[in-house]
């Protein structure tokens, strides 16, 4: 059933490219564990052991706060269509904010999305697959457009104000930058 690998193979990269959603898990040494669903065109494989993903403005900013406290991160993909499989990527992550040079180096790999706030880079040290036999079939209909529309209406200045008002601290009161 489950298998472990030291890197993302071409076959697993193909699986990842077909998924419409992934889940990100992080935790500080104390406090709550956070699991966030991510969608849209926000995930890139740089090489067999390095990935990046574009973090968009949301109601919270737990991932950023956790990575400042503890760099562990898990990313999970589930097959909701076709052959069953769960794929997890484990590793250490760094967060790059819009004012970081590394953010500028990576942002061109993604489409322009209003509200883009951070790029997370993860060095993958373990890739694990498992059966996914209990994951239900679900048909992908389309991407939701609400986040993109909301961010476009806000404009860049208002988005930055929102980050200060709503995203500066985690639910455990950790700074996010």
C-alpha atoms as a PDB file:
ATOM      1  CA  UNK A   1       0.000   0.000   0.000  1.00  0.00           C
ATOM      2  CA  UNK A   2       2.199   2.872   1.247  1.00  0.00           C
ATOM      3  CA  UNK A   3       5.591   3.636  -0.268  1.00  0.00           C
ATOM      4  CA  UNK A   4       8.371   6.052   0.624  1.00  0.00           C
ATOM      5  CA  UNK A   5      10.658   7.906  -1.749  1.00  0.00           C
ATOM      6  CA  UNK A   6      13.495  10.394  -1.356  1.00  0.00           C
ATOM      7  CA  UNK A   7      12.284  12.580  -4.235  1.00  0.00           C
ATOM      8  CA  UNK A   8       9.388  13.413  -6.529  1.00  0.00           C
ATOM      9  CA  UNK A   9       9.535  11.081  -9.525  1.00  0.00           C
ATOM     10  CA  UNK A  10       8.199  11.982 -12.978  1.00  0.00           C
ATOM     11  CA  UNK A  11       5.200   9.724 -12.358  1.00  0.00           C
ATOM     12  CA  UNK A  12       4.395  11.501  -9.081  1.00  0.00           C
ATOM     13  CA  UNK A  13       4.959  14.900 -10.690  1.00  0.00           C
ATOM     14  CA  UNK A  14       2.383  13.935 -13.321  1.00  0.00           C
ATOM     15  CA  UNK A  15      -0.063  12.959 -10.553  1.00  0.00           C
ATOM     16  CA  UNK A  16       0.485  16.305  -8.784  1.00  0.00           C
ATOM     17  CA  UNK A  17      -0.076  18.269 -11.996  1.00  0.00           C
ATOM     18  CA  UNK A  18      -3.562  16.753 -12.348  1.00  0.00           C
ATOM     19  CA  UNK A  19      -4.764  17.699  -8.864  1.00  0.00           C
ATOM     20  CA  UNK A  20      -6.996  20.744  -8.336  1.00  0.00           C
ATOM     21  CA  UNK A  21      -6.428  21.045  -4.600  1.00  0.00           C
ATOM     22  CA  UNK A  22      -3.673  20.413  -2.095  1.00  0.00           C
ATOM     23  CA  UNK A  23      -3.539  20.692   1.677  1.00  0.00           C
ATOM     24  CA  UNK A  24      -0.775  22.337   3.695  1.00  0.00           C
ATOM     25  CA  UNK A  25      -0.051  21.331   7.281  1.00  0.00           C
ATOM     26  CA  UNK A  26       2.116  23.339   9.679  1.00  0.00           C
ATOM     27  CA  UNK A  27       2.541  23.766  13.427  1.00  0.00           C
ATOM     28  CA  UNK A  28       4.622  25.803  15.815  1.00  0.00           C
ATOM     29  CA  UNK A  29       6.143  23.929  18.759  1.00  0.00           C
ATOM     30  CA  UNK A  30       3.096  24.904  20.816  1.00  0.00           C
ATOM     31  CA  UNK A  31      -0.423  25.915  19.919  1.00  0.00           C
ATOM     32  CA  UNK A  32      -2.740  24.763  17.201  1.00  0.00           C
ATOM     33  CA  UNK A  33      -1.890  22.639  14.176  1.00  0.00           C
ATOM     34  CA  UNK A  34      -3.066  24.243  10.950  1.00  0.00           C
ATOM     35  CA  UNK A  35      -4.256  22.505   7.795  1.00  0.00           C
ATOM     36  CA  UNK A  36      -5.156  24.743   4.876  1.00  0.00           C
ATOM     37  CA  UNK A  37      -6.679  23.780   1.545  1.00  0.00           C
ATOM     38  CA  UNK A  38      -5.054  25.475  -1.453  1.00  0.00           C
ATOM     39  CA  UNK A  39      -6.253  25.732  -5.010  1.00  0.00           C
ATOM     40  CA  UNK A  40      -5.906  27.722  -8.210  1.00  0.00           C
ATOM     41  CA  UNK A  41      -2.686  27.620 -10.226  1.00  0.00           C
ATOM     42  CA  UNK A  42      -0.401  28.069  -7.200  1.00  0.00           C
ATOM     43  CA  UNK A  43       1.902  25.012  -7.027  1.00  0.00           C
ATOM     44  CA  UNK A  44       5.226  24.450  -8.805  1.00  0.00           C
ATOM     45  CA  UNK A  45       7.827  21.705  -8.698  1.00  0.00           C
ATOM     46  CA  UNK A  46      11.279  23.254  -9.068  1.00  0.00           C
ATOM     47  CA  UNK A  47      13.138  19.944  -9.052  1.00  0.00           C
ATOM     48  CA  UNK A  48      12.812  16.462  -7.569  1.00  0.00           C
ATOM     49  CA  UNK A  49      13.368  17.738  -4.016  1.00  0.00           C
ATOM     50  CA  UNK A  50      12.179  21.358  -4.099  1.00  0.00           C
ATOM     51  CA  UNK A  51       8.701  22.811  -4.527  1.00  0.00           C
ATOM     52  CA  UNK A  52       7.197  26.272  -4.202  1.00  0.00           C
ATOM     53  CA  UNK A  53       3.646  27.455  -3.819  1.00  0.00           C
ATOM     54  CA  UNK A  54       2.034  30.863  -3.988  1.00  0.00           C
ATOM     55  CA  UNK A  55       0.162  31.816  -0.830  1.00  0.00           C
ATOM     56  CA  UNK A  56      -2.815  34.086  -1.440  1.00  0.00           C
ATOM     57  CA  UNK A  57      -4.485  36.525   0.943  1.00  0.00           C
ATOM     58  CA  UNK A  58      -6.903  34.765   3.252  1.00  0.00           C
ATOM     59  CA  UNK A  59      -8.766  35.205   6.487  1.00  0.00           C
ATOM     60  CA  UNK A  60      -5.702  34.105   8.443  1.00  0.00           C
ATOM     61  CA  UNK A  61      -1.989  33.631   7.954  1.00  0.00           C
ATOM     62  CA  UNK A  62      -1.205  30.601  10.095  1.00  0.00           C
ATOM     63  CA  UNK A  63       1.325  29.072   7.709  1.00  0.00           C
ATOM     64  CA  UNK A  64       3.538  32.160   7.830  1.00  0.00           C
ATOM     65  CA  UNK A  65       3.407  32.345  11.627  1.00  0.00           C
ATOM     66  CA  UNK A  66       4.159  28.654  12.035  1.00  0.00           C
ATOM     67  CA  UNK A  67       7.106  28.672   9.637  1.00  0.00           C
ATOM     68  CA  UNK A  68       8.737  31.443  11.644  1.00  0.00           C
ATOM     69  CA  UNK A  69       8.505  29.211  14.729  1.00  0.00           C
ATOM     70  CA  UNK A  70       9.133  25.809  13.157  1.00  0.00           C
ATOM     71  CA  UNK A  71      10.042  25.118   9.534  1.00  0.00           C
ATOM     72  CA  UNK A  72       8.318  21.702   9.283  1.00  0.00           C
ATOM     73  CA  UNK A  73       5.645  21.428   6.624  1.00  0.00           C
ATOM     74  CA  UNK A  74       3.574  18.669   5.055  1.00  0.00           C
ATOM     75  CA  UNK A  75       1.726  18.977   1.758  1.00  0.00           C
ATOM     76  CA  UNK A  76      -0.924  16.431   0.866  1.00  0.00           C
ATOM     77  CA  UNK A  77      -2.616  15.647  -2.448  1.00  0.00           C
ATOM     78  CA  UNK A  78      -5.596  13.269  -2.750  1.00  0.00           C
ATOM     79  CA  UNK A  79      -6.901  11.642  -5.914  1.00  0.00           C
ATOM     80  CA  UNK A  80     -10.606  12.477  -6.074  1.00  0.00           C
ATOM     81  CA  UNK A  81     -10.783  11.212  -9.659  1.00  0.00           C
ATOM     82  CA  UNK A  82      -9.230   8.159 -11.303  1.00  0.00           C
ATOM     83  CA  UNK A  83      -6.920   5.726  -9.554  1.00  0.00           C
ATOM     84  CA  UNK A  84      -6.894   6.185  -5.744  1.00  0.00           C
ATOM     85  CA  UNK A  85      -3.801   7.642  -4.121  1.00  0.00           C
ATOM     86  CA  UNK A  86      -2.728   9.989  -1.371  1.00  0.00           C
ATOM     87  CA  UNK A  87       0.628  11.715  -1.817  1.00  0.00           C
ATOM     88  CA  UNK A  88       2.415  13.546   0.982  1.00  0.00           C
ATOM     89  CA  UNK A  89       5.484  15.735   0.703  1.00  0.00           C
ATOM     90  CA  UNK A  90       7.402  16.278   3.943  1.00  0.00           C
ATOM     91  CA  UNK A  91      10.149  18.810   4.451  1.00  0.00           C
ATOM     92  CA  UNK A  92      11.453  22.111   5.710  1.00  0.00           C
ATOM     93  CA  UNK A  93      10.067  25.360   4.368  1.00  0.00           C
ATOM     94  CA  UNK A  94      10.977  29.026   4.074  1.00  0.00           C
ATOM     95  CA  UNK A  95       8.567  31.849   3.507  1.00  0.00           C
ATOM     96  CA  UNK A  96       9.233  34.779   1.195  1.00  0.00           C
ATOM     97  CA  UNK A  97       7.089  37.898   1.469  1.00  0.00           C
ATOM     98  CA  UNK A  98       6.339  40.333  -1.359  1.00  0.00           C
ATOM     99  CA  UNK A  99       9.221  42.576  -0.252  1.00  0.00           C
ATOM    100  CA  UNK A 100      11.838  39.760  -0.324  1.00  0.00           C
ATOM    101  CA  UNK A 101      14.227  39.356  -3.274  1.00  0.00           C
ATOM    102  CA  UNK A 102      13.556  35.617  -3.503  1.00  0.00           C
ATOM    103  CA  UNK A 103       9.823  36.348  -3.895  1.00  0.00           C
ATOM    104  CA  UNK A 104      10.712  38.412  -6.972  1.00  0.00           C
ATOM    105  CA  UNK A 105      12.777  35.513  -8.357  1.00  0.00           C
ATOM    106  CA  UNK A 106       9.846  33.076  -8.134  1.00  0.00           C
ATOM    107  CA  UNK A 107       6.715  35.149  -8.756  1.00  0.00           C
ATOM    108  CA  UNK A 108       7.161  35.001 -12.537  1.00  0.00           C
ATOM    109  CA  UNK A 109       6.499  31.241 -12.407  1.00  0.00           C
ATOM    110  CA  UNK A 110       2.855  31.919 -11.525  1.00  0.00           C
ATOM    111  CA  UNK A 111       0.034  33.739 -13.279  1.00  0.00           C
ATOM    112  CA  UNK A 112      -0.676  37.210 -11.927  1.00  0.00           C
ATOM    113  CA  UNK A 113      -3.178  36.783  -9.083  1.00  0.00           C
ATOM    114  CA  UNK A 114      -4.376  39.769  -7.046  1.00  0.00           C
ATOM    115  CA  UNK A 115      -3.733  39.275  -3.351  1.00  0.00           C
ATOM    116  CA  UNK A 116      -0.579  37.181  -3.765  1.00  0.00           C
ATOM    117  CA  UNK A 117       1.240  37.668  -0.467  1.00  0.00           C
ATOM    118  CA  UNK A 118       3.963  35.053  -0.019  1.00  0.00           C
ATOM    119  CA  UNK A 119       5.828  32.286  -1.753  1.00  0.00           C
ATOM    120  CA  UNK A 120       6.685  29.238   0.286  1.00  0.00           C
ATOM    121  CA  UNK A 121       9.689  27.140  -0.732  1.00  0.00           C
ATOM    122  CA  UNK A 122      10.020  23.626   0.642  1.00  0.00           C
ATOM    123  CA  UNK A 123      12.988  21.270   0.555  1.00  0.00           C
ATOM    124  CA  UNK A 124      11.384  17.859   0.333  1.00  0.00           C
ATOM    125  CA  UNK A 125      13.079  15.196   2.442  1.00  0.00           C
ATOM    126  CA  UNK A 126      10.398  12.499   2.184  1.00  0.00           C
ATOM    127  CA  UNK A 127       7.734  11.639  -0.356  1.00  0.00           C
ATOM    128  CA  UNK A 128       5.118   9.145   0.744  1.00  0.00           C
ATOM    129  CA  UNK A 129       2.240   7.575  -1.128  1.00  0.00           C
ATOM    130  CA  UNK A 130      -0.618   5.640   0.395  1.00  0.00           C
ATOM    131  CA  UNK A 131      -3.642   3.856  -1.007  1.00  0.00           C
ATOM    132  CA  UNK A 132      -6.383   6.467  -0.773  1.00  0.00           C
ATOM    133  CA  UNK A 133      -8.982   3.696  -0.957  1.00  0.00           C
ATOM    134  CA  UNK A 134     -11.380   5.546   1.353  1.00  0.00           C
ATOM    135  CA  UNK A 135     -11.119   8.924  -0.427  1.00  0.00           C
ATOM    136  CA  UNK A 136     -14.432   9.541  -2.224  1.00  0.00           C
ATOM    137  CA  UNK A 137     -14.818  10.262  -5.905  1.00  0.00           C
ATOM    138  CA  UNK A 138     -15.580  13.909  -6.528  1.00  0.00           C
ATOM    139  CA  UNK A 139     -15.886  15.602  -9.877  1.00  0.00           C
ATOM    140  CA  UNK A 140     -14.093  18.889 -10.433  1.00  0.00           C
ATOM    141  CA  UNK A 141     -16.523  21.478 -11.724  1.00  0.00           C
ATOM    142  CA  UNK A 142     -14.526  24.715 -11.824  1.00  0.00           C
ATOM    143  CA  UNK A 143     -12.318  27.046  -9.811  1.00  0.00           C
ATOM    144  CA  UNK A 144     -14.078  29.437  -7.468  1.00  0.00           C
ATOM    145  CA  UNK A 145     -13.652  33.063  -8.493  1.00  0.00           C
ATOM    146  CA  UNK A 146     -14.613  34.835  -5.247  1.00  0.00           C
ATOM    147  CA  UNK A 147     -11.101  35.266  -3.813  1.00  0.00           C
ATOM    148  CA  UNK A 148      -9.684  36.616  -7.045  1.00  0.00           C
ATOM    149  CA  UNK A 149     -12.646  38.992  -7.532  1.00  0.00           C
ATOM    150  CA  UNK A 150     -12.495  40.199  -3.928  1.00  0.00           C
ATOM    151  CA  UNK A 151      -8.744  40.889  -4.108  1.00  0.00           C
ATOM    152  CA  UNK A 152      -9.051  42.700  -7.442  1.00  0.00           C
ATOM    153  CA  UNK A 153     -11.802  44.957  -6.022  1.00  0.00           C
ATOM    154  CA  UNK A 154      -9.663  45.804  -2.967  1.00  0.00           C
ATOM    155  CA  UNK A 155      -6.658  46.989  -4.929  1.00  0.00           C
ATOM    156  CA  UNK A 156      -3.067  46.700  -3.774  1.00  0.00           C
ATOM    157  CA  UNK A 157      -3.208  49.438  -1.100  1.00  0.00           C
ATOM    158  CA  UNK A 158      -6.314  48.021   0.583  1.00  0.00           C
ATOM    159  CA  UNK A 159      -4.880  44.479   0.444  1.00  0.00           C
ATOM    160  CA  UNK A 160      -1.795  45.670   2.322  1.00  0.00           C
ATOM    161  CA  UNK A 161      -4.040  47.333   4.917  1.00  0.00           C
ATOM    162  CA  UNK A 162      -5.987  44.069   5.219  1.00  0.00           C
ATOM    163  CA  UNK A 163      -2.727  42.185   5.860  1.00  0.00           C
ATOM    164  CA  UNK A 164      -1.979  44.573   8.756  1.00  0.00           C
ATOM    165  CA  UNK A 165      -5.523  44.387  10.142  1.00  0.00           C
ATOM    166  CA  UNK A 166      -6.250  40.655   9.748  1.00  0.00           C
ATOM    167  CA  UNK A 167      -3.048  38.763   8.917  1.00  0.00           C
ATOM    168  CA  UNK A 168      -0.337  40.171  11.196  1.00  0.00           C
ATOM    169  CA  UNK A 169      -0.899  37.614  13.979  1.00  0.00           C
ATOM    170  CA  UNK A 170      -1.913  33.949  14.034  1.00  0.00           C
ATOM    171  CA  UNK A 171      -4.801  32.592  16.086  1.00  0.00           C
ATOM    172  CA  UNK A 172      -2.185  31.677  18.717  1.00  0.00           C
ATOM    173  CA  UNK A 173      -0.961  35.301  18.635  1.00  0.00           C
ATOM    174  CA  UNK A 174       2.312  34.568  16.788  1.00  0.00           C
ATOM    175  CA  UNK A 175       3.681  37.234  14.450  1.00  0.00           C
ATOM    176  CA  UNK A 176       3.418  36.318  10.762  1.00  0.00           C
ATOM    177  CA  UNK A 177       6.428  38.326   9.614  1.00  0.00           C
END
